[in-house]
Amino acid sequence: MTDHDEPKPAFGQWLMAQKDRSDLVGQLAAGAVVDRRFPRNGDPETVRKHLSAMQAEDDMFAAVDDAESDWLSA
C-alpha cells in the first residue's frame, strides 16, 4: 500500500454502495440500504449473521460470498 491509497471501506459500507448493480449483490445492497439494523461497519461474517437473524433466503448468502470476493479484490 502506498501513501496515497485510501483505506478500504468497511464491508457493509462498500456493499451498500453497490445498490445500483443488476445482480444479486445489487439486490442485497438495495435491501441493506433500507434496513435500519444493517451492520454498516460490519465485516462479511457480521453481515452473514445479520442475514441469518433476518431469516434471509439462501441466494442472499451467495450474494454475500460474491460481494466479499469483489470487496477483497477492490
C-alpha atoms as a PDB file:
ATOM      1  CA  MET A   1       0.000   0.000   0.000  1.00  0.00           C
ATOM      2  CA  THR A   2       1.353   3.401  -0.921  1.00  0.00           C
ATOM      3  CA  ASP A   3       0.836   6.641   0.946  1.00  0.00           C
ATOM      4  CA  HIS A   4      -1.876   7.854  -1.434  1.00  0.00           C
ATOM      5  CA  ASP A   5      -4.015   4.712  -1.217  1.00  0.00           C
ATOM      6  CA  GLU A   6      -7.181   5.192   0.766  1.00  0.00           C
ATOM      7  CA  PRO A   7      -8.046   2.579   3.366  1.00  0.00           C
ATOM      8  CA  LYS A   8     -10.602   0.028   2.254  1.00  0.00           C
ATOM      9  CA  PRO A   9     -14.117   0.921   3.426  1.00  0.00           C
ATOM     10  CA  ALA A  10     -15.880  -1.400   5.828  1.00  0.00           C
ATOM     11  CA  PHE A  11     -17.555  -4.270   4.001  1.00  0.00           C
ATOM     12  CA  GLY A  12     -21.040  -3.095   4.993  1.00  0.00           C
ATOM     13  CA  GLN A  13     -20.415   0.397   3.651  1.00  0.00           C
ATOM     14  CA  TRP A  14     -18.874  -0.934   0.451  1.00  0.00           C
ATOM     15  CA  LEU A  15     -21.813  -3.289  -0.023  1.00  0.00           C
ATOM     16  CA  MET A  16     -24.402  -0.538   0.296  1.00  0.00           C
ATOM     17  CA  ALA A  17     -22.573   1.429  -2.404  1.00  0.00           C
ATOM     18  CA  GLN A  18     -23.252  -1.493  -4.789  1.00  0.00           C
ATOM     19  CA  LYS A  19     -27.034  -0.840  -4.761  1.00  0.00           C
ATOM     20  CA  ASP A  20     -27.175   0.011  -8.483  1.00  0.00           C
ATOM     21  CA  ARG A  21     -25.724  -3.299  -9.641  1.00  0.00           C
ATOM     22  CA  SER A  22     -28.076  -5.513 -11.638  1.00  0.00           C
ATOM     23  CA  ASP A  23     -27.086  -8.776  -9.953  1.00  0.00           C
ATOM     24  CA  LEU A  24     -27.773 -10.438  -6.605  1.00  0.00           C
ATOM     25  CA  VAL A  25     -25.147  -8.272  -4.938  1.00  0.00           C
ATOM     26  CA  GLY A  26     -27.143  -5.247  -6.069  1.00  0.00           C
ATOM     27  CA  GLN A  27     -30.337  -6.741  -4.643  1.00  0.00           C
ATOM     28  CA  LEU A  28     -28.591  -7.415  -1.338  1.00  0.00           C
ATOM     29  CA  ALA A  29     -27.158  -3.899  -1.308  1.00  0.00           C
ATOM     30  CA  ALA A  30     -30.539  -2.307  -2.023  1.00  0.00           C
ATOM     31  CA  GLY A  31     -32.007  -4.234   0.893  1.00  0.00           C
ATOM     32  CA  ALA A  32     -29.120  -3.184   3.121  1.00  0.00           C
ATOM     33  CA  VAL A  33     -29.715   0.492   2.347  1.00  0.00           C
ATOM     34  CA  VAL A  34     -33.295   0.368   3.638  1.00  0.00           C
ATOM     35  CA  ASP A  35     -32.534  -1.944   6.601  1.00  0.00           C
ATOM     36  CA  ARG A  36     -32.034   0.313   9.609  1.00  0.00           C
ATOM     37  CA  ARG A  37     -30.348  -2.532  11.505  1.00  0.00           C
ATOM     38  CA  PHE A  38     -27.912  -3.483   8.745  1.00  0.00           C
ATOM     39  CA  PRO A  39     -24.336  -3.619  10.116  1.00  0.00           C
ATOM     40  CA  ARG A  40     -22.951  -0.729   8.068  1.00  0.00           C
ATOM     41  CA  ASN A  41     -19.493  -1.042   9.565  1.00  0.00           C
ATOM     42  CA  GLY A  42     -19.604  -4.828   9.698  1.00  0.00           C
ATOM     43  CA  ASP A  43     -17.342  -7.364   8.096  1.00  0.00           C
ATOM     44  CA  PRO A  44     -18.668 -10.153   5.846  1.00  0.00           C
ATOM     45  CA  GLU A  45     -19.231 -12.518   8.773  1.00  0.00           C
ATOM     46  CA  THR A  46     -21.220  -9.891  10.665  1.00  0.00           C
ATOM     47  CA  VAL A  47     -23.376  -9.380   7.582  1.00  0.00           C
ATOM     48  CA  ARG A  48     -23.937 -13.161   7.322  1.00  0.00           C
ATOM     49  CA  LYS A  49     -25.012 -13.271  10.980  1.00  0.00           C
ATOM     50  CA  HIS A  50     -27.414 -10.389  10.384  1.00  0.00           C
ATOM     51  CA  LEU A  51     -28.916 -12.140   7.360  1.00  0.00           C
ATOM     52  CA  SER A  52     -29.286 -15.325   9.358  1.00  0.00           C
ATOM     53  CA  ALA A  53     -31.103 -13.457  12.120  1.00  0.00           C
ATOM     54  CA  MET A  54     -33.378 -11.938   9.469  1.00  0.00           C
ATOM     55  CA  GLN A  55     -34.018 -15.432   8.012  1.00  0.00           C
ATOM     56  CA  ALA A  56     -32.815 -14.302   4.599  1.00  0.00           C
ATOM     57  CA  GLU A  57     -33.104 -16.582   1.599  1.00  0.00           C
ATOM     58  CA  ASP A  58     -30.130 -18.707   0.550  1.00  0.00           C
ATOM     59  CA  ASP A  59     -29.415 -16.598  -2.530  1.00  0.00           C
ATOM     60  CA  MET A  60     -28.624 -13.622  -0.294  1.00  0.00           C
ATOM     61  CA  PHE A  61     -25.884 -15.644   1.406  1.00  0.00           C
ATOM     62  CA  ALA A  62     -24.492 -16.468  -2.029  1.00  0.00           C
ATOM     63  CA  ALA A  63     -24.608 -12.744  -2.789  1.00  0.00           C
ATOM     64  CA  VAL A  64     -22.524 -12.051   0.332  1.00  0.00           C
ATOM     65  CA  ASP A  65     -19.950 -14.571  -0.907  1.00  0.00           C
ATOM     66  CA  ASP A  66     -19.794 -12.840  -4.297  1.00  0.00           C
ATOM     67  CA  ALA A  67     -19.658  -9.398  -2.697  1.00  0.00           C
ATOM     68  CA  GLU A  68     -16.880 -10.464  -0.340  1.00  0.00           C
ATOM     69  CA  SER A  69     -14.759 -11.619  -3.279  1.00  0.00           C
ATOM     70  CA  ASP A  70     -15.339  -8.310  -5.090  1.00  0.00           C
ATOM     71  CA  TRP A  71     -14.636  -6.296  -1.931  1.00  0.00           C
ATOM     72  CA  LEU A  72     -11.392  -8.139  -1.251  1.00  0.00           C
ATOM     73  CA  SER A  73     -10.183  -7.573  -4.802  1.00  0.00           C
ATOM     74  CA  ALA A  74     -11.112  -3.859  -4.837  1.00  0.00           C
END
